[in-house]
PDB file of N, CA and C in Angstrom:
ATOM      1  N   UNK A   1      94.183  90.546  67.371  1.00  0.00           N
ATOM      2  CA  UNK A   1      94.567  91.400  68.710  1.00  0.00           C
ATOM      3  C   UNK A   1      96.399  91.669  68.465  1.00  0.00           C
ATOM      4  N   UNK A   2      96.769  90.833  67.725  1.00  0.00           N
ATOM      5  CA  UNK A   2      98.356  91.162  67.451  1.00  0.00           C
ATOM      6  C   UNK A   2      98.700  92.274  66.997  1.00  0.00           C
ATOM      7  N   UNK A   3      97.541  92.827  66.365  1.00  0.00           N
ATOM      8  CA  UNK A   3      97.762  94.031  65.515  1.00  0.00           C
ATOM      9  C   UNK A   3      97.374  95.119  66.375  1.00  0.00           C
ATOM     10  N   UNK A   4      96.555  94.908  67.592  1.00  0.00           N
ATOM     11  CA  UNK A   4      96.952  96.066  68.887  1.00  0.00           C
ATOM     12  C   UNK A   4      97.418  95.882  69.698  1.00  0.00           C
ATOM     13  N   UNK A   5      98.582  94.923  70.096  1.00  0.00           N
ATOM     14  CA  UNK A   5      99.149  94.690  70.719  1.00  0.00           C
ATOM     15  C   UNK A   5     100.798  95.145  70.659  1.00  0.00           C
ATOM     16  N   UNK A   6     101.222  94.652  69.307  1.00  0.00           N
ATOM     17  CA  UNK A   6     102.536  94.605  68.655  1.00  0.00           C
ATOM     18  C   UNK A   6     102.764  96.342  68.675  1.00  0.00           C
ATOM     19  N   UNK A   7     101.802  96.714  67.974  1.00  0.00           N
ATOM     20  CA  UNK A   7     102.347  98.710  68.158  1.00  0.00           C
ATOM     21  C   UNK A   7     102.656  99.019  69.721  1.00  0.00           C
ATOM     22  N   UNK A   8     102.089  98.811  70.544  1.00  0.00           N
ATOM     23  CA  UNK A   8     102.332  99.137  71.615  1.00  0.00           C
ATOM     24  C   UNK A   8     103.787  98.737  72.426  1.00  0.00           C
ATOM     25  N   UNK A   9     104.201  97.489  71.967  1.00  0.00           N
ATOM     26  CA  UNK A   9     105.249  96.662  72.074  1.00  0.00           C
ATOM     27  C   UNK A   9     106.399  97.387  71.499  1.00  0.00           C
ATOM     28  N   UNK A  10     105.965  97.840  70.153  1.00  0.00           N
ATOM     29  CA  UNK A  10     107.185  98.896  69.362  1.00  0.00           C
ATOM     30  C   UNK A  10     107.304  99.949  69.985  1.00  0.00           C
ATOM     31  N   UNK A  11     106.418 100.583  70.370  1.00  0.00           N
ATOM     32  CA  UNK A  11     106.875 102.071  71.124  1.00  0.00           C
ATOM     33  C   UNK A  11     107.591 101.833  71.830  1.00  0.00           C
ATOM     34  N   UNK A  12     107.940 100.801  72.956  1.00  0.00           N
ATOM     35  CA  UNK A  12     108.754 100.473  74.012  1.00  0.00           C
ATOM     36  C   UNK A  12     110.153  99.690  73.653  1.00  0.00           C
ATOM     37  N   UNK A  13     110.201  99.343  73.017  1.00  0.00           N
ATOM     38  CA  UNK A  13     111.107  98.443  72.082  1.00  0.00           C
ATOM     39  C   UNK A  13     111.070  98.264  70.800  1.00  0.00           C
ATOM     40  N   UNK A  14     111.276  99.679  70.121  1.00  0.00           N
ATOM     41  CA  UNK A  14     111.323  99.623  68.852  1.00  0.00           C
ATOM     42  C   UNK A  14     112.431  98.916  67.941  1.00  0.00           C
ATOM     43  N   UNK A  15     113.691  98.479  68.659  1.00  0.00           N
ATOM     44  CA  UNK A  15     114.604  97.479  67.906  1.00  0.00           C
ATOM     45  C   UNK A  15     114.057  96.022  67.852  1.00  0.00           C
ATOM     46  N   UNK A  16     112.957  95.587  68.779  1.00  0.00           N
ATOM     47  CA  UNK A  16     112.540  94.475  68.407  1.00  0.00           C
ATOM     48  C   UNK A  16     111.922  94.169  66.676  1.00  0.00           C
ATOM     49  N   UNK A  17     111.439  95.267  66.178  1.00  0.00           N
ATOM     50  CA  UNK A  17     110.800  95.332  65.125  1.00  0.00           C
ATOM     51  C   UNK A  17     111.462  95.644  64.020  1.00  0.00           C
ATOM     52  N   UNK A  18     112.927  95.767  64.110  1.00  0.00           N
ATOM     53  CA  UNK A  18     113.626  96.356  62.987  1.00  0.00           C
ATOM     54  C   UNK A  18     113.961  95.226  62.114  1.00  0.00           C
ATOM     55  N   UNK A  19     114.080  95.180  60.643  1.00  0.00           N
ATOM     56  CA  UNK A  19     114.119  93.759  59.638  1.00  0.00           C
ATOM     57  C   UNK A  19     115.691  93.603  59.931  1.00  0.00           C
ATOM     58  N   UNK A  20     115.849  92.806  60.927  1.00  0.00           N
ATOM     59  CA  UNK A  20     117.372  92.440  61.218  1.00  0.00           C
ATOM     60  C   UNK A  20     117.000  91.218  61.557  1.00  0.00           C
ATOM     61  N   UNK A  21     118.153  90.230  61.380  1.00  0.00           N
ATOM     62  CA  UNK A  21     118.058  88.829  61.715  1.00  0.00           C
ATOM     63  C   UNK A  21     118.035  88.839  63.370  1.00  0.00           C
ATOM     64  N   UNK A  22     118.593  89.666  64.183  1.00  0.00           N
ATOM     65  CA  UNK A  22     119.046  89.391  65.239  1.00  0.00           C
ATOM     66  C   UNK A  22     117.695  89.772  66.079  1.00  0.00           C
ATOM     67  N   UNK A  23     116.852  90.830  65.452  1.00  0.00           N
ATOM     68  CA  UNK A  23     115.611  91.100  66.154  1.00  0.00           C
ATOM     69  C   UNK A  23     114.578  90.350  65.790  1.00  0.00           C
ATOM     70  N   UNK A  24     114.611  89.362  64.769  1.00  0.00           N
ATOM     71  CA  UNK A  24     113.942  88.554  64.424  1.00  0.00           C
ATOM     72  C   UNK A  24     113.790  87.469  65.695  1.00  0.00           C
ATOM     73  N   UNK A  25     115.046  87.342  65.761  1.00  0.00           N
ATOM     74  CA  UNK A  25     115.596  85.898  66.626  1.00  0.00           C
ATOM     75  C   UNK A  25     115.077  86.486  68.015  1.00  0.00           C
ATOM     76  N   UNK A  26     115.468  87.681  68.367  1.00  0.00           N
ATOM     77  CA  UNK A  26     115.081  87.946  69.883  1.00  0.00           C
ATOM     78  C   UNK A  26     113.523  88.094  70.129  1.00  0.00           C
ATOM     79  N   UNK A  27     113.278  88.519  69.210  1.00  0.00           N
ATOM     80  CA  UNK A  27     111.534  88.683  69.156  1.00  0.00           C
ATOM     81  C   UNK A  27     110.994  86.934  69.188  1.00  0.00           C
ATOM     82  N   UNK A  28     111.326  86.453  68.497  1.00  0.00           N
ATOM     83  CA  UNK A  28     110.694  84.806  68.424  1.00  0.00           C
ATOM     84  C   UNK A  28     110.747  84.210  69.885  1.00  0.00           C
ATOM     85  N   UNK A  29     112.508  84.498  70.060  1.00  0.00           N
ATOM     86  CA  UNK A  29     112.751  83.904  71.765  1.00  0.00           C
ATOM     87  C   UNK A  29     111.642  84.304  72.849  1.00  0.00           C
ATOM     88  N   UNK A  30     111.787  85.767  72.748  1.00  0.00           N
ATOM     89  CA  UNK A  30     111.180  86.508  74.138  1.00  0.00           C
ATOM     90  C   UNK A  30     109.335  86.024  73.763  1.00  0.00           C
ATOM     91  N   UNK A  31     109.100  86.016  72.647  1.00  0.00           N
ATOM     92  CA  UNK A  31     107.403  85.640  72.294  1.00  0.00           C
ATOM     93  C   UNK A  31     107.455  84.177  72.825  1.00  0.00           C
ATOM     94  N   UNK A  32     108.083  83.493  73.104  1.00  0.00           N
ATOM     95  CA  UNK A  32     107.891  82.018  73.608  1.00  0.00           C
ATOM     96  C   UNK A  32     108.156  82.374  75.212  1.00  0.00           C
ATOM     97  N   UNK A  33     109.702  82.941  75.277  1.00  0.00           N
ATOM     98  CA  UNK A  33     109.647  82.801  76.632  1.00  0.00           C
ATOM     99  C   UNK A  33     108.333  83.740  77.915  1.00  0.00           C
ATOM    100  N   UNK A  34     107.899  84.896  77.085  1.00  0.00           N
ATOM    101  CA  UNK A  34     106.779  85.109  77.711  1.00  0.00           C
ATOM    102  C   UNK A  34     105.485  84.808  77.432  1.00  0.00           C
ATOM    103  N   UNK A  35     105.608  83.796  76.664  1.00  0.00           N
ATOM    104  CA  UNK A  35     103.873  83.218  76.104  1.00  0.00           C
ATOM    105  C   UNK A  35     103.110  83.874  75.735  1.00  0.00           C
ATOM    106  N   UNK A  36     103.905  84.676  74.674  1.00  0.00           N
ATOM    107  CA  UNK A  36     102.777  85.935  73.831  1.00  0.00           C
ATOM    108  C   UNK A  36     101.594  85.217  73.329  1.00  0.00           C
ATOM    109  N   UNK A  37     101.813  83.843  72.652  1.00  0.00           N
ATOM    110  CA  UNK A  37     100.380  83.402  72.119  1.00  0.00           C
ATOM    111  C   UNK A  37      99.271  83.633  73.189  1.00  0.00           C
ATOM    112  N   UNK A  38      99.669  83.036  74.686  1.00  0.00           N
ATOM    113  CA  UNK A  38      98.638  82.977  75.414  1.00  0.00           C
ATOM    114  C   UNK A  38      98.259  84.429  75.835  1.00  0.00           C
ATOM    115  N   UNK A  39      99.211  85.296  76.333  1.00  0.00           N
ATOM    116  CA  UNK A  39      99.034  86.982  76.132  1.00  0.00           C
ATOM    117  C   UNK A  39      97.893  87.158  75.115  1.00  0.00           C
ATOM    118  N   UNK A  40      98.070  86.752  74.036  1.00  0.00           N
ATOM    119  CA  UNK A  40      97.073  87.459  72.580  1.00  0.00           C
ATOM    120  C   UNK A  40      95.587  86.636  72.978  1.00  0.00           C
ATOM    121  N   UNK A  41      95.709  85.405  73.672  1.00  0.00           N
ATOM    122  CA  UNK A  41      94.265  84.940  74.011  1.00  0.00           C
ATOM    123  C   UNK A  41      94.107  85.393  75.190  1.00  0.00           C
ATOM    124  N   UNK A  42      94.173  85.826  75.789  1.00  0.00           N
ATOM    125  CA  UNK A  42      93.828  86.263  77.126  1.00  0.00           C
ATOM    126  C   UNK A  42      93.022  87.887  76.757  1.00  0.00           C
ATOM    127  N   UNK A  43      93.761  88.343  75.620  1.00  0.00           N
ATOM    128  CA  UNK A  43      93.597  89.713  75.340  1.00  0.00           C
ATOM    129  C   UNK A  43      92.283  89.708  74.688  1.00  0.00           C
ATOM    130  N   UNK A  44      92.338  88.567  73.958  1.00  0.00           N
ATOM    131  CA  UNK A  44      90.869  88.228  72.783  1.00  0.00           C
ATOM    132  C   UNK A  44      89.915  88.154  73.736  1.00  0.00           C
ATOM    133  N   UNK A  45      90.157  87.499  74.844  1.00  0.00           N
ATOM    134  CA  UNK A  45      88.766  87.129  75.645  1.00  0.00           C
ATOM    135  C   UNK A  45      88.156  87.977  76.460  1.00  0.00           C
ATOM    136  N   UNK A  46      89.234  88.948  76.695  1.00  0.00           N
ATOM    137  CA  UNK A  46      88.757  90.365  77.773  1.00  0.00           C
ATOM    138  C   UNK A  46      88.644  91.664  77.087  1.00  0.00           C
ATOM    139  N   UNK A  47      88.685  91.419  75.368  1.00  0.00           N
ATOM    140  CA  UNK A  47      88.321  92.592  74.409  1.00  0.00           C
ATOM    141  C   UNK A  47      86.899  93.116  74.454  1.00  0.00           C
ATOM    142  N   UNK A  48      85.845  92.267  74.472  1.00  0.00           N
ATOM    143  CA  UNK A  48      84.560  92.864  74.728  1.00  0.00           C
ATOM    144  C   UNK A  48      84.141  93.232  75.976  1.00  0.00           C
ATOM    145  N   UNK A  49      85.011  92.888  77.356  1.00  0.00           N
ATOM    146  CA  UNK A  49      84.222  93.276  78.614  1.00  0.00           C
ATOM    147  C   UNK A  49      84.536  94.625  78.848  1.00  0.00           C
ATOM    148  N   UNK A  50      83.671  94.989  79.520  1.00  0.00           N
ATOM    149  CA  UNK A  50      83.865  96.210  80.465  1.00  0.00           C
ATOM    150  C   UNK A  50      84.643  96.460  81.186  1.00  0.00           C
ATOM    151  N   UNK A  51      85.669  97.371  81.317  1.00  0.00           N
ATOM    152  CA  UNK A  51      86.578  97.447  81.902  1.00  0.00           C
ATOM    153  C   UNK A  51      86.923  97.096  83.383  1.00  0.00           C
ATOM    154  N   UNK A  52      85.524  97.276  84.253  1.00  0.00           N
ATOM    155  CA  UNK A  52      85.428  96.770  85.656  1.00  0.00           C
ATOM    156  C   UNK A  52      85.621  94.858  85.576  1.00  0.00           C
ATOM    157  N   UNK A  53      85.014  94.662  84.672  1.00  0.00           N
ATOM    158  CA  UNK A  53      85.371  93.318  84.638  1.00  0.00           C
ATOM    159  C   UNK A  53      86.405  92.964  84.360  1.00  0.00           C
ATOM    160  N   UNK A  54      87.265  93.585  83.216  1.00  0.00           N
ATOM    161  CA  UNK A  54      88.761  93.132  83.148  1.00  0.00           C
ATOM    162  C   UNK A  54      89.594  93.481  83.881  1.00  0.00           C
ATOM    163  N   UNK A  55      89.003  94.321  84.946  1.00  0.00           N
ATOM    164  CA  UNK A  55      90.305  94.656  86.273  1.00  0.00           C
ATOM    165  C   UNK A  55      89.826  93.188  87.086  1.00  0.00           C
ATOM    166  N   UNK A  56      89.096  93.293  87.319  1.00  0.00           N
ATOM    167  CA  UNK A  56      88.433  92.018  88.217  1.00  0.00           C
ATOM    168  C   UNK A  56      89.283  90.760  87.989  1.00  0.00           C
ATOM    169  N   UNK A  57      88.921  90.505  86.658  1.00  0.00           N
ATOM    170  CA  UNK A  57      89.545  89.350  86.098  1.00  0.00           C
ATOM    171  C   UNK A  57      91.114  89.011  86.121  1.00  0.00           C
ATOM    172  N   UNK A  58      91.671  90.207  85.925  1.00  0.00           N
ATOM    173  CA  UNK A  58      93.167  90.416  85.734  1.00  0.00           C
ATOM    174  C   UNK A  58      93.584  90.498  87.334  1.00  0.00           C
ATOM    175  N   UNK A  59      93.114  91.064  88.123  1.00  0.00           N
ATOM    176  CA  UNK A  59      93.241  90.912  89.605  1.00  0.00           C
ATOM    177  C   UNK A  59      93.196  89.921  90.298  1.00  0.00           C
ATOM    178  N   UNK A  60      92.080  88.723  89.774  1.00  0.00           N
ATOM    179  CA  UNK A  60      92.001  87.260  90.402  1.00  0.00           C
ATOM    180  C   UNK A  60      93.018  86.403  89.629  1.00  0.00           C
ATOM    181  N   UNK A  61      94.010  86.707  88.825  1.00  0.00           N
ATOM    182  CA  UNK A  61      94.866  86.361  87.946  1.00  0.00           C
ATOM    183  C   UNK A  61      96.364  86.468  88.856  1.00  0.00           C
ATOM    184  N   UNK A  62      96.534  87.967  89.003  1.00  0.00           N
ATOM    185  CA  UNK A  62      97.691  88.097  89.599  1.00  0.00           C
ATOM    186  C   UNK A  62      97.760  88.557  90.884  1.00  0.00           C
ATOM    187  N   UNK A  63      96.905  89.017  91.560  1.00  0.00           N
ATOM    188  CA  UNK A  63      97.162  88.993  92.912  1.00  0.00           C
ATOM    189  C   UNK A  63      96.396  88.139  94.045  1.00  0.00           C
ATOM    190  N   UNK A  64      96.843  87.201  93.617  1.00  0.00           N
ATOM    191  CA  UNK A  64      97.011  85.731  94.393  1.00  0.00           C
ATOM    192  C   UNK A  64      97.194  85.557  95.782  1.00  0.00           C
ATOM    193  N   UNK A  65      98.225  86.025  96.212  1.00  0.00           N
ATOM    194  CA  UNK A  65      99.196  85.671  97.232  1.00  0.00           C
ATOM    195  C   UNK A  65      99.879  87.285  97.815  1.00  0.00           C
ATOM    196  N   UNK A  66      99.012  88.398  98.282  1.00  0.00           N
ATOM    197  CA  UNK A  66      99.653  89.882  98.054  1.00  0.00           C
ATOM    198  C   UNK A  66     100.021  89.954  99.878  1.00  0.00           C
ATOM    199  N   UNK A  67     101.270  90.081 100.076  1.00  0.00           N
ATOM    200  CA  UNK A  67     101.649  90.474 101.698  1.00  0.00           C
ATOM    201  C   UNK A  67     101.429  91.989 101.553  1.00  0.00           C
ATOM    202  N   UNK A  68     100.809  92.363 102.397  1.00  0.00           N
ATOM    203  CA  UNK A  68     100.936  93.945 102.617  1.00  0.00           C
ATOM    204  C   UNK A  68     101.810  94.415 103.795  1.00  0.00           C
ATOM    205  N   UNK A  69     102.835  95.244 103.869  1.00  0.00           N
ATOM    206  CA  UNK A  69     103.433  95.876 104.947  1.00  0.00           C
ATOM    207  C   UNK A  69     103.500  97.132 104.795  1.00  0.00           C
ATOM    208  N   UNK A  70     103.793  97.896 106.261  1.00  0.00           N
ATOM    209  CA  UNK A  70     103.885  99.299 106.283  1.00  0.00           C
ATOM    210  C   UNK A  70     103.135  99.618 106.252  1.00  0.00           C
ATOM    211  N   UNK A  71     101.463  99.311 106.547  1.00  0.00           N
ATOM    212  CA  UNK A  71     100.445  99.614 106.529  1.00  0.00           C
ATOM    213  C   UNK A  71     100.135 100.622 107.723  1.00  0.00           C
ATOM    214  N   UNK A  72     100.978 100.554 108.668  1.00  0.00           N
ATOM    215  CA  UNK A  72     101.099 101.047 110.072  1.00  0.00           C
ATOM    216  C   UNK A  72     101.687 102.752 109.749  1.00  0.00           C
ATOM    217  N   UNK A  73     102.135 102.589 108.672  1.00  0.00           N
ATOM    218  CA  UNK A  73     102.745 104.090 108.122  1.00  0.00           C
ATOM    219  C   UNK A  73     101.693 105.194 107.571  1.00  0.00           C
ATOM    220  N   UNK A  74     100.887 104.569 107.128  1.00  0.00           N
ATOM    221  CA  UNK A  74      99.399 105.398 106.335  1.00  0.00           C
ATOM    222  C   UNK A  74      98.478 106.175 107.513  1.00  0.00           C
ATOM    223  N   UNK A  75      98.491 107.082 107.688  1.00  0.00           N
ATOM    224  CA  UNK A  75      97.691 107.975 108.675  1.00  0.00           C
ATOM    225  C   UNK A  75      96.344 107.589 108.933  1.00  0.00           C
ATOM    226  N   UNK A  76      95.976 107.166 110.008  1.00  0.00           N
ATOM    227  CA  UNK A  76      94.328 106.898 110.448  1.00  0.00           C
ATOM    228  C   UNK A  76      93.288 107.865 110.038  1.00  0.00           C
ATOM    229  N   UNK A  77      93.786 109.374 109.932  1.00  0.00           N
ATOM    230  CA  UNK A  77      92.997 110.764 109.793  1.00  0.00           C
ATOM    231  C   UNK A  77      93.716 111.227 109.026  1.00  0.00           C
ATOM    232  N   UNK A  78      93.176 112.359 107.994  1.00  0.00           N
ATOM    233  CA  UNK A  78      94.011 112.967 107.220  1.00  0.00           C
ATOM    234  C   UNK A  78      94.245 112.528 105.767  1.00  0.00           C
ATOM    235  N   UNK A  79      95.079 113.502 104.951  1.00  0.00           N
ATOM    236  CA  UNK A  79      95.362 113.177 103.879  1.00  0.00           C
ATOM    237  C   UNK A  79      96.770 112.044 103.930  1.00  0.00           C
ATOM    238  N   UNK A  80      96.794 111.224 102.647  1.00  0.00           N
ATOM    239  CA  UNK A  80      98.077 110.622 102.326  1.00  0.00           C
ATOM    240  C   UNK A  80      98.220 110.332 101.125  1.00  0.00           C
ATOM    241  N   UNK A  81      99.166 110.392 100.698  1.00  0.00           N
ATOM    242  CA  UNK A  81      99.692 110.173  99.097  1.00  0.00           C
ATOM    243  C   UNK A  81     100.005 108.678  98.804  1.00  0.00           C
ATOM    244  N   UNK A  82      99.511 107.900  97.938  1.00  0.00           N
ATOM    245  CA  UNK A  82     100.351 106.473  97.930  1.00  0.00           C
ATOM    246  C   UNK A  82     100.817 106.631  96.316  1.00  0.00           C
ATOM    247  N   UNK A  83     101.748 106.258  96.279  1.00  0.00           N
ATOM    248  CA  UNK A  83     102.778 106.388  95.020  1.00  0.00           C
ATOM    249  C   UNK A  83     102.931 104.864  94.245  1.00  0.00           C
ATOM    250  N   UNK A  84     102.552 104.558  93.269  1.00  0.00           N
ATOM    251  CA  UNK A  84     103.339 103.386  93.017  1.00  0.00           C
ATOM    252  C   UNK A  84     104.081 103.608  91.701  1.00  0.00           C
ATOM    253  N   UNK A  85     105.577 103.058  92.050  1.00  0.00           N
ATOM    254  CA  UNK A  85     106.450 103.764  90.916  1.00  0.00           C
ATOM    255  C   UNK A  85     106.633 102.591  90.102  1.00  0.00           C
ATOM    256  N   UNK A  86     105.948 102.096  88.936  1.00  0.00           N
ATOM    257  CA  UNK A  86     105.994 101.140  88.068  1.00  0.00           C
ATOM    258  C   UNK A  86     106.112 101.330  86.595  1.00  0.00           C
ATOM    259  N   UNK A  87     107.270 101.072  85.684  1.00  0.00           N
ATOM    260  CA  UNK A  87     107.678 101.829  84.791  1.00  0.00           C
ATOM    261  C   UNK A  87     106.538 101.592  83.736  1.00  0.00           C
ATOM    262  N   UNK A  88     105.906 100.397  84.011  1.00  0.00           N
ATOM    263  CA  UNK A  88     104.760 100.249  82.861  1.00  0.00           C
ATOM    264  C   UNK A  88     103.170 100.495  83.468  1.00  0.00           C
ATOM    265  N   UNK A  89     103.232 100.683  84.646  1.00  0.00           N
ATOM    266  CA  UNK A  89     101.634 101.191  85.352  1.00  0.00           C
ATOM    267  C   UNK A  89     100.774 100.580  85.517  1.00  0.00           C
ATOM    268  N   UNK A  90     100.170  99.806  84.707  1.00  0.00           N
ATOM    269  CA  UNK A  90      99.016  99.246  84.675  1.00  0.00           C
ATOM    270  C   UNK A  90      98.803  98.292  85.872  1.00  0.00           C
ATOM    271  N   UNK A  91     100.012  97.669  85.984  1.00  0.00           N
ATOM    272  CA  UNK A  91      99.765  96.248  86.809  1.00  0.00           C
ATOM    273  C   UNK A  91      99.629  96.821  88.657  1.00  0.00           C
ATOM    274  N   UNK A  92      99.888  97.892  88.815  1.00  0.00           N
ATOM    275  CA  UNK A  92     100.189  98.507  90.321  1.00  0.00           C
ATOM    276  C   UNK A  92      98.493  98.842  90.168  1.00  0.00           C
ATOM    277  N   UNK A  93      97.877  99.283  89.441  1.00  0.00           N
ATOM    278  CA  UNK A  93      96.788 100.070  89.704  1.00  0.00           C
ATOM    279  C   UNK A  93      95.570  98.446  89.775  1.00  0.00           C
ATOM    280  N   UNK A  94      96.224  97.757  89.173  1.00  0.00           N
ATOM    281  CA  UNK A  94      95.213  96.643  89.142  1.00  0.00           C
ATOM    282  C   UNK A  94      95.184  95.772  90.969  1.00  0.00           C
ATOM    283  N   UNK A  95      96.470  95.496  91.176  1.00  0.00           N
ATOM    284  CA  UNK A  95      96.980  94.977  92.663  1.00  0.00           C
ATOM    285  C   UNK A  95      96.468  95.923  93.698  1.00  0.00           C
TER     286      UNK A  95
END
């Protein structure tokens, strides 16, 4: 699973994969801090599931205590444009 996820990280943070001591140290610290081995295990367990099942599983893990505010600003009738401004995107779609 690492071979599938590492390239995605490298696209966003190429400096982490440079052949330098500082990059190796930073990558090691971040992997422990962000629990990367556990992330790889979650990805492995979800890899064969259909998209809807993956979204349900992830939503159950992430959206445990969601508070909605400003719902009164959404019109009861007619069109509305809802925009999630999140730099990596997918988390907003799940929640």
